Amino acid sequence: MKNFTKEVFYKTARSGGKGGQNVNKVETMVEVWWHIHSSPLFSPEEKELLTEKLKNKINKEGYLMVRSSESRSQLENKEIAFEKLKALVAKSLIVPKKRKPTKVPKSVVEKRLDSKKIEGLKKQLRKKDWEE
């Protein structure tokens, strides 16, 4: 995984949740912002892949933003948010394997046709019984 710690910047805000009076005074929620297209660490193909897979999480300016307010500590939230960002990028860079369509084996085709013949015979026999 490429290290892009110098390419991100952080914004803080007051977060809700646990913390008592601390919630109203200290900015513990952290947002990590990263501009994908200005990153020199990733190739154009990788940037395109990231943009495609994370299009719902990227804003109009091209920033990928992840926030964390899980902890009461701003430093912990900073680390959590950056780990989330790294995991998101790593997951998005994985290219799925192309599926190779397999051919239906002859034995399976023959078995299906045989069963169809048997079902047809059953129906023919039923028809003859009704006419008598």
N, C-alpha and C. Protein backbone atom coordinates (compact mmCIF):
# COMPACT_ATOMS: atom_id res chain seq x y z
N MET A 1 0.84 -1.18 0.00
CA MET A 1 0.00 0.00 0.00
C MET A 1 0.88 1.24 0.00
N LYS A 2 0.56 2.17 -0.87
CA LYS A 2 1.35 3.40 -0.99
C LYS A 2 1.07 4.32 0.19
N ASN A 3 2.10 5.04 0.62
CA ASN A 3 1.96 5.92 1.76
C ASN A 3 1.67 7.35 1.28
N PHE A 4 0.46 7.79 1.46
CA PHE A 4 0.08 9.12 1.01
C PHE A 4 -0.30 10.03 2.18
N THR A 5 0.40 9.87 3.31
CA THR A 5 0.10 10.67 4.50
C THR A 5 0.34 12.16 4.27
N LYS A 6 1.30 12.52 3.42
CA LYS A 6 1.61 13.93 3.17
C LYS A 6 0.61 14.58 2.23
N GLU A 7 -0.22 13.78 1.56
CA GLU A 7 -1.17 14.30 0.59
C GLU A 7 -2.54 14.60 1.19
N VAL A 8 -2.76 14.18 2.43
CA VAL A 8 -4.07 14.39 3.04
C VAL A 8 -4.02 15.58 3.98
N PHE A 9 -5.20 16.18 4.19
CA PHE A 9 -5.29 17.20 5.23
C PHE A 9 -6.52 16.91 6.07
N TYR A 10 -6.49 17.44 7.28
CA TYR A 10 -7.52 17.12 8.27
C TYR A 10 -8.32 18.36 8.62
N LYS A 11 -9.62 18.13 8.86
CA LYS A 11 -10.50 19.18 9.37
C LYS A 11 -11.15 18.62 10.63
N THR A 12 -11.34 19.47 11.61
CA THR A 12 -11.97 19.02 12.85
C THR A 12 -13.28 19.77 13.06
N ALA A 13 -14.17 19.15 13.81
CA ALA A 13 -15.44 19.76 14.16
C ALA A 13 -15.92 19.15 15.47
N ARG A 14 -16.90 19.80 16.08
CA ARG A 14 -17.47 19.23 17.30
C ARG A 14 -18.35 18.05 16.90
N SER A 15 -18.22 16.97 17.64
CA SER A 15 -19.01 15.79 17.31
C SER A 15 -20.01 15.51 18.40
N GLY A 16 -21.09 14.85 18.02
CA GLY A 16 -22.09 14.43 19.00
C GLY A 16 -21.65 13.16 19.67
N GLY A 17 -22.53 12.57 20.43
CA GLY A 17 -22.22 11.29 21.04
C GLY A 17 -21.65 11.44 22.43
N LYS A 18 -20.96 10.40 22.90
CA LYS A 18 -20.48 10.37 24.28
C LYS A 18 -19.39 11.42 24.52
N GLY A 19 -19.31 11.87 25.73
CA GLY A 19 -18.28 12.84 26.07
C GLY A 19 -18.74 13.89 27.05
N GLY A 20 -20.02 13.92 27.35
CA GLY A 20 -20.54 14.87 28.33
C GLY A 20 -20.35 16.31 27.88
N GLN A 21 -19.86 17.17 28.78
CA GLN A 21 -19.64 18.58 28.43
C GLN A 21 -18.51 18.71 27.42
N ASN A 22 -17.65 17.71 27.39
CA ASN A 22 -16.53 17.70 26.44
C ASN A 22 -17.03 17.85 25.00
N VAL A 23 -18.21 17.27 24.70
CA VAL A 23 -18.78 17.29 23.36
C VAL A 23 -19.01 18.73 22.90
N ASN A 24 -19.44 19.58 23.81
CA ASN A 24 -19.78 20.94 23.44
C ASN A 24 -18.57 21.87 23.37
N LYS A 25 -17.43 21.43 23.87
CA LYS A 25 -16.26 22.32 23.95
C LYS A 25 -15.14 21.97 22.98
N VAL A 26 -14.90 20.66 22.81
CA VAL A 26 -13.71 20.22 22.08
C VAL A 26 -14.10 19.66 20.71
N GLU A 27 -13.31 20.00 19.72
CA GLU A 27 -13.55 19.49 18.35
C GLU A 27 -12.87 18.13 18.22
N THR A 28 -13.64 17.06 18.45
CA THR A 28 -13.05 15.72 18.42
C THR A 28 -13.31 14.99 17.11
N MET A 29 -14.35 15.39 16.37
CA MET A 29 -14.61 14.72 15.09
C MET A 29 -13.55 15.16 14.08
N VAL A 30 -13.05 14.19 13.33
CA VAL A 30 -11.99 14.48 12.36
C VAL A 30 -12.44 14.04 10.98
N GLU A 31 -12.19 14.91 9.99
CA GLU A 31 -12.42 14.56 8.58
C GLU A 31 -11.07 14.52 7.89
N VAL A 32 -10.85 13.47 7.12
CA VAL A 32 -9.62 13.34 6.33
C VAL A 32 -10.00 13.63 4.89
N TRP A 33 -9.32 14.57 4.26
CA TRP A 33 -9.58 14.95 2.87
C TRP A 33 -8.37 14.59 2.02
N TRP A 34 -8.63 14.00 0.87
CA TRP A 34 -7.54 13.62 -0.04
C TRP A 34 -7.99 13.87 -1.48
N HIS A 35 -7.18 14.63 -2.21
CA HIS A 35 -7.48 14.91 -3.62
C HIS A 35 -6.82 13.84 -4.48
N ILE A 36 -7.65 13.00 -5.08
CA ILE A 36 -7.16 11.84 -5.82
C ILE A 36 -6.32 12.23 -7.04
N HIS A 37 -6.82 13.17 -7.84
CA HIS A 37 -6.18 13.46 -9.13
C HIS A 37 -4.86 14.22 -9.01
N SER A 38 -4.59 14.85 -7.87
CA SER A 38 -3.32 15.56 -7.72
C SER A 38 -2.24 14.68 -7.08
N SER A 39 -2.57 13.43 -6.82
CA SER A 39 -1.62 12.52 -6.18
C SER A 39 -0.59 12.00 -7.18
N PRO A 40 0.71 12.20 -6.89
CA PRO A 40 1.75 11.68 -7.79
C PRO A 40 2.05 10.19 -7.55
N LEU A 41 1.52 9.60 -6.48
CA LEU A 41 1.82 8.21 -6.13
C LEU A 41 1.06 7.20 -6.97
N PHE A 42 -0.05 7.61 -7.56
CA PHE A 42 -0.90 6.68 -8.30
C PHE A 42 -0.85 6.96 -9.79
N SER A 43 -0.91 5.89 -10.58
CA SER A 43 -0.90 6.03 -12.04
C SER A 43 -2.27 6.53 -12.49
N PRO A 44 -2.35 7.06 -13.72
CA PRO A 44 -3.66 7.52 -14.23
C PRO A 44 -4.71 6.40 -14.24
N GLU A 45 -4.28 5.18 -14.51
CA GLU A 45 -5.21 4.05 -14.52
C GLU A 45 -5.77 3.79 -13.11
N GLU A 46 -4.87 3.86 -12.12
CA GLU A 46 -5.30 3.66 -10.73
C GLU A 46 -6.24 4.77 -10.29
N LYS A 47 -5.92 6.00 -10.69
CA LYS A 47 -6.78 7.13 -10.34
C LYS A 47 -8.16 6.98 -10.97
N GLU A 48 -8.19 6.50 -12.20
CA GLU A 48 -9.47 6.28 -12.89
C GLU A 48 -10.28 5.19 -12.17
N LEU A 49 -9.60 4.14 -11.76
CA LEU A 49 -10.24 3.05 -11.03
C LEU A 49 -10.81 3.54 -9.70
N LEU A 50 -10.01 4.34 -8.98
CA LEU A 50 -10.46 4.91 -7.71
C LEU A 50 -11.67 5.82 -7.92
N THR A 51 -11.59 6.66 -8.95
CA THR A 51 -12.68 7.60 -9.23
C THR A 51 -13.96 6.84 -9.57
N GLU A 52 -13.84 5.78 -10.34
CA GLU A 52 -15.01 5.00 -10.74
C GLU A 52 -15.64 4.29 -9.55
N LYS A 53 -14.81 3.63 -8.74
CA LYS A 53 -15.35 2.84 -7.63
C LYS A 53 -15.82 3.69 -6.46
N LEU A 54 -15.22 4.88 -6.29
CA LEU A 54 -15.58 5.73 -5.15
C LEU A 54 -16.36 6.97 -5.57
N LYS A 55 -17.01 6.92 -6.74
CA LYS A 55 -17.68 8.12 -7.25
C LYS A 55 -18.74 8.68 -6.31
N ASN A 56 -19.35 7.83 -5.48
CA ASN A 56 -20.37 8.30 -4.54
C ASN A 56 -19.76 8.96 -3.30
N LYS A 57 -18.47 8.78 -3.10
CA LYS A 57 -17.82 9.34 -1.91
C LYS A 57 -16.90 10.52 -2.25
N ILE A 58 -16.80 10.85 -3.53
CA ILE A 58 -15.93 11.95 -3.97
C ILE A 58 -16.81 13.16 -4.26
N ASN A 59 -16.39 14.33 -3.75
CA ASN A 59 -17.19 15.54 -3.99
C ASN A 59 -16.87 16.16 -5.35
N LYS A 60 -17.52 17.28 -5.66
CA LYS A 60 -17.36 17.92 -6.98
C LYS A 60 -15.94 18.42 -7.25
N GLU A 61 -15.22 18.76 -6.18
CA GLU A 61 -13.85 19.25 -6.34
C GLU A 61 -12.84 18.11 -6.51
N GLY A 62 -13.30 16.88 -6.34
CA GLY A 62 -12.42 15.71 -6.52
C GLY A 62 -11.80 15.21 -5.23
N TYR A 63 -12.33 15.64 -4.09
CA TYR A 63 -11.79 15.20 -2.80
C TYR A 63 -12.56 13.99 -2.28
N LEU A 64 -11.79 13.03 -1.80
CA LEU A 64 -12.37 11.89 -1.11
C LEU A 64 -12.31 12.24 0.37
N MET A 65 -13.47 12.16 1.04
CA MET A 65 -13.54 12.58 2.43
C MET A 65 -14.05 11.45 3.31
N VAL A 66 -13.34 11.19 4.41
CA VAL A 66 -13.75 10.17 5.38
C VAL A 66 -13.74 10.84 6.74
N ARG A 67 -14.79 10.57 7.53
CA ARG A 67 -14.85 11.19 8.87
C ARG A 67 -14.95 10.14 9.95
N SER A 68 -14.48 10.54 11.15
CA SER A 68 -14.56 9.65 12.30
C SER A 68 -14.87 10.46 13.54
N SER A 69 -15.84 9.95 14.32
CA SER A 69 -16.15 10.57 15.61
C SER A 69 -16.39 9.46 16.64
N GLU A 70 -15.68 8.35 16.44
CA GLU A 70 -15.88 7.18 17.29
C GLU A 70 -15.29 7.34 18.69
N SER A 71 -14.19 8.09 18.78
CA SER A 71 -13.49 8.21 20.05
C SER A 71 -13.71 9.61 20.65
N ARG A 72 -13.38 9.75 21.94
CA ARG A 72 -13.45 11.07 22.57
C ARG A 72 -12.16 11.84 22.34
N SER A 73 -11.17 11.18 21.77
CA SER A 73 -9.87 11.81 21.53
C SER A 73 -9.74 12.21 20.06
N GLN A 74 -9.32 13.44 19.84
CA GLN A 74 -9.13 13.91 18.46
C GLN A 74 -8.02 13.13 17.77
N LEU A 75 -6.96 12.83 18.48
CA LEU A 75 -5.84 12.09 17.90
C LEU A 75 -6.26 10.69 17.48
N GLU A 76 -7.02 10.01 18.33
CA GLU A 76 -7.50 8.68 17.99
C GLU A 76 -8.41 8.73 16.76
N ASN A 77 -9.29 9.73 16.72
CA ASN A 77 -10.18 9.88 15.57
C ASN A 77 -9.40 10.15 14.29
N LYS A 78 -8.31 10.89 14.43
CA LYS A 78 -7.45 11.17 13.27
C LYS A 78 -6.88 9.87 12.72
N GLU A 79 -6.40 9.02 13.61
CA GLU A 79 -5.82 7.74 13.20
C GLU A 79 -6.89 6.81 12.62
N ILE A 80 -8.05 6.77 13.25
CA ILE A 80 -9.15 5.92 12.77
C ILE A 80 -9.59 6.34 11.38
N ALA A 81 -9.75 7.66 11.19
CA ALA A 81 -10.21 8.18 9.89
C ALA A 81 -9.19 7.88 8.80
N PHE A 82 -7.89 8.03 9.12
CA PHE A 82 -6.87 7.76 8.11
C PHE A 82 -6.82 6.27 7.76
N GLU A 83 -7.00 5.41 8.76
CA GLU A 83 -7.04 3.96 8.50
C GLU A 83 -8.24 3.61 7.62
N LYS A 84 -9.38 4.25 7.88
CA LYS A 84 -10.57 4.03 7.05
C LYS A 84 -10.29 4.44 5.60
N LEU A 85 -9.61 5.58 5.44
CA LEU A 85 -9.27 6.08 4.10
C LEU A 85 -8.36 5.08 3.39
N LYS A 86 -7.32 4.61 4.10
CA LYS A 86 -6.39 3.64 3.50
C LYS A 86 -7.11 2.36 3.09
N ALA A 87 -8.00 1.88 3.95
CA ALA A 87 -8.73 0.64 3.66
C ALA A 87 -9.64 0.83 2.45
N LEU A 88 -10.27 1.99 2.37
CA LEU A 88 -11.16 2.29 1.25
C LEU A 88 -10.39 2.31 -0.07
N VAL A 89 -9.22 2.96 -0.06
CA VAL A 89 -8.39 3.04 -1.26
C VAL A 89 -7.87 1.66 -1.64
N ALA A 90 -7.40 0.90 -0.66
CA ALA A 90 -6.86 -0.44 -0.93
C ALA A 90 -7.94 -1.34 -1.53
N LYS A 91 -9.14 -1.28 -0.98
CA LYS A 91 -10.24 -2.11 -1.46
C LYS A 91 -10.64 -1.71 -2.88
N SER A 92 -10.56 -0.42 -3.17
CA SER A 92 -10.97 0.07 -4.49
C SER A 92 -9.96 -0.24 -5.58
N LEU A 93 -8.71 -0.46 -5.20
CA LEU A 93 -7.67 -0.74 -6.20
C LEU A 93 -7.65 -2.20 -6.64
N ILE A 94 -8.41 -3.05 -5.95
CA ILE A 94 -8.45 -4.47 -6.31
C ILE A 94 -9.28 -4.64 -7.58
N VAL A 95 -8.67 -5.22 -8.61
CA VAL A 95 -9.36 -5.46 -9.88
C VAL A 95 -9.93 -6.87 -9.83
N PRO A 96 -11.24 -7.01 -9.99
CA PRO A 96 -11.82 -8.35 -9.94
C PRO A 96 -11.39 -9.19 -11.14
N LYS A 97 -11.25 -10.50 -10.92
CA LYS A 97 -10.86 -11.39 -12.00
C LYS A 97 -11.99 -11.50 -13.01
N LYS A 98 -11.62 -11.60 -14.26
CA LYS A 98 -12.61 -11.75 -15.32
C LYS A 98 -13.17 -13.17 -15.29
N ARG A 99 -14.46 -13.29 -15.41
CA ARG A 99 -15.10 -14.60 -15.37
C ARG A 99 -14.96 -15.28 -16.72
N LYS A 100 -14.52 -16.54 -16.68
CA LYS A 100 -14.41 -17.33 -17.91
C LYS A 100 -15.66 -18.19 -18.03
N PRO A 101 -16.48 -17.97 -19.04
CA PRO A 101 -17.68 -18.81 -19.16
C PRO A 101 -17.30 -20.25 -19.49
N THR A 102 -17.92 -21.18 -18.81
CA THR A 102 -17.61 -22.59 -19.05
C THR A 102 -18.63 -23.20 -20.00
N LYS A 103 -18.19 -24.21 -20.72
CA LYS A 103 -19.06 -24.89 -21.67
C LYS A 103 -19.83 -25.99 -20.93
N VAL A 104 -21.10 -26.17 -21.29
CA VAL A 104 -21.91 -27.21 -20.67
C VAL A 104 -21.42 -28.56 -21.18
N PRO A 105 -21.09 -29.49 -20.28
CA PRO A 105 -20.58 -30.80 -20.70
C PRO A 105 -21.63 -31.59 -21.51
N LYS A 106 -21.13 -32.40 -22.44
CA LYS A 106 -22.01 -33.21 -23.29
C LYS A 106 -22.91 -34.11 -22.47
N SER A 107 -22.35 -34.71 -21.42
CA SER A 107 -23.12 -35.64 -20.60
C SER A 107 -24.34 -34.95 -19.96
N VAL A 108 -24.17 -33.69 -19.57
CA VAL A 108 -25.27 -32.96 -18.95
C VAL A 108 -26.37 -32.68 -19.98
N VAL A 109 -25.95 -32.29 -21.20
CA VAL A 109 -26.92 -32.02 -22.26
C VAL A 109 -27.69 -33.30 -22.59
N GLU A 110 -26.95 -34.42 -22.73
CA GLU A 110 -27.60 -35.69 -23.04
C GLU A 110 -28.57 -36.12 -21.95
N LYS A 111 -28.17 -35.94 -20.70
CA LYS A 111 -29.01 -36.30 -19.57
C LYS A 111 -30.32 -35.50 -19.59
N ARG A 112 -30.21 -34.22 -19.88
CA ARG A 112 -31.40 -33.37 -19.95
C ARG A 112 -32.33 -33.80 -21.07
N LEU A 113 -31.74 -34.09 -22.24
CA LEU A 113 -32.56 -34.54 -23.37
C LEU A 113 -33.24 -35.87 -23.07
N ASP A 114 -32.52 -36.79 -22.42
CA ASP A 114 -33.11 -38.09 -22.06
C ASP A 114 -34.29 -37.90 -21.10
N SER A 115 -34.10 -37.03 -20.12
CA SER A 115 -35.19 -36.81 -19.16
C SER A 115 -36.40 -36.17 -19.85
N LYS A 116 -36.15 -35.33 -20.85
CA LYS A 116 -37.26 -34.72 -21.59
C LYS A 116 -38.01 -35.78 -22.39
N LYS A 117 -37.26 -36.73 -22.98
CA LYS A 117 -37.90 -37.82 -23.74
C LYS A 117 -38.77 -38.68 -22.83
N ILE A 118 -38.26 -38.97 -21.65
CA ILE A 118 -39.01 -39.80 -20.69
C ILE A 118 -40.29 -39.09 -20.27
N GLU A 119 -40.19 -37.80 -19.97
CA GLU A 119 -41.37 -37.02 -19.58
C GLU A 119 -42.39 -37.00 -20.72
N GLY A 120 -41.92 -36.85 -21.94
CA GLY A 120 -42.80 -36.85 -23.11
C GLY A 120 -43.51 -38.19 -23.28
N LEU A 121 -42.77 -39.28 -23.06
CA LEU A 121 -43.36 -40.63 -23.14
C LEU A 121 -44.45 -40.82 -22.10
N LYS A 122 -44.18 -40.35 -20.87
CA LYS A 122 -45.18 -40.45 -19.81
C LYS A 122 -46.49 -39.80 -20.25
N LYS A 123 -46.37 -38.61 -20.83
CA LYS A 123 -47.55 -37.87 -21.24
C LYS A 123 -48.28 -38.57 -22.38
N GLN A 124 -47.50 -39.16 -23.29
CA GLN A 124 -48.11 -39.91 -24.40
C GLN A 124 -48.90 -41.10 -23.86
N LEU A 125 -48.31 -41.79 -22.91
CA LEU A 125 -48.99 -42.95 -22.32
C LEU A 125 -50.27 -42.53 -21.60
N ARG A 126 -50.25 -41.40 -20.92
CA ARG A 126 -51.44 -40.90 -20.23
C ARG A 126 -52.55 -40.59 -21.23
N LYS A 127 -52.15 -40.03 -22.37
CA LYS A 127 -53.12 -39.64 -23.40
C LYS A 127 -53.87 -40.87 -23.92
N LYS A 128 -53.15 -41.93 -24.18
CA LYS A 128 -53.76 -43.15 -24.71
C LYS A 128 -54.72 -43.77 -23.73
N ASP A 129 -54.42 -43.70 -22.42
CA ASP A 129 -55.30 -44.27 -21.40
C ASP A 129 -56.64 -43.55 -21.37
N TRP A 130 -56.65 -42.28 -21.59
CA TRP A 130 -57.89 -41.49 -21.53
C TRP A 130 -58.83 -41.82 -22.70
N GLU A 131 -58.24 -42.13 -23.84
CA GLU A 131 -59.07 -42.35 -25.04
C GLU A 131 -59.83 -43.67 -24.97
N GLU A 132 -59.38 -44.63 -24.22
CA GLU A 132 -60.01 -45.95 -24.17
C GLU A 132 -61.23 -46.02 -23.35
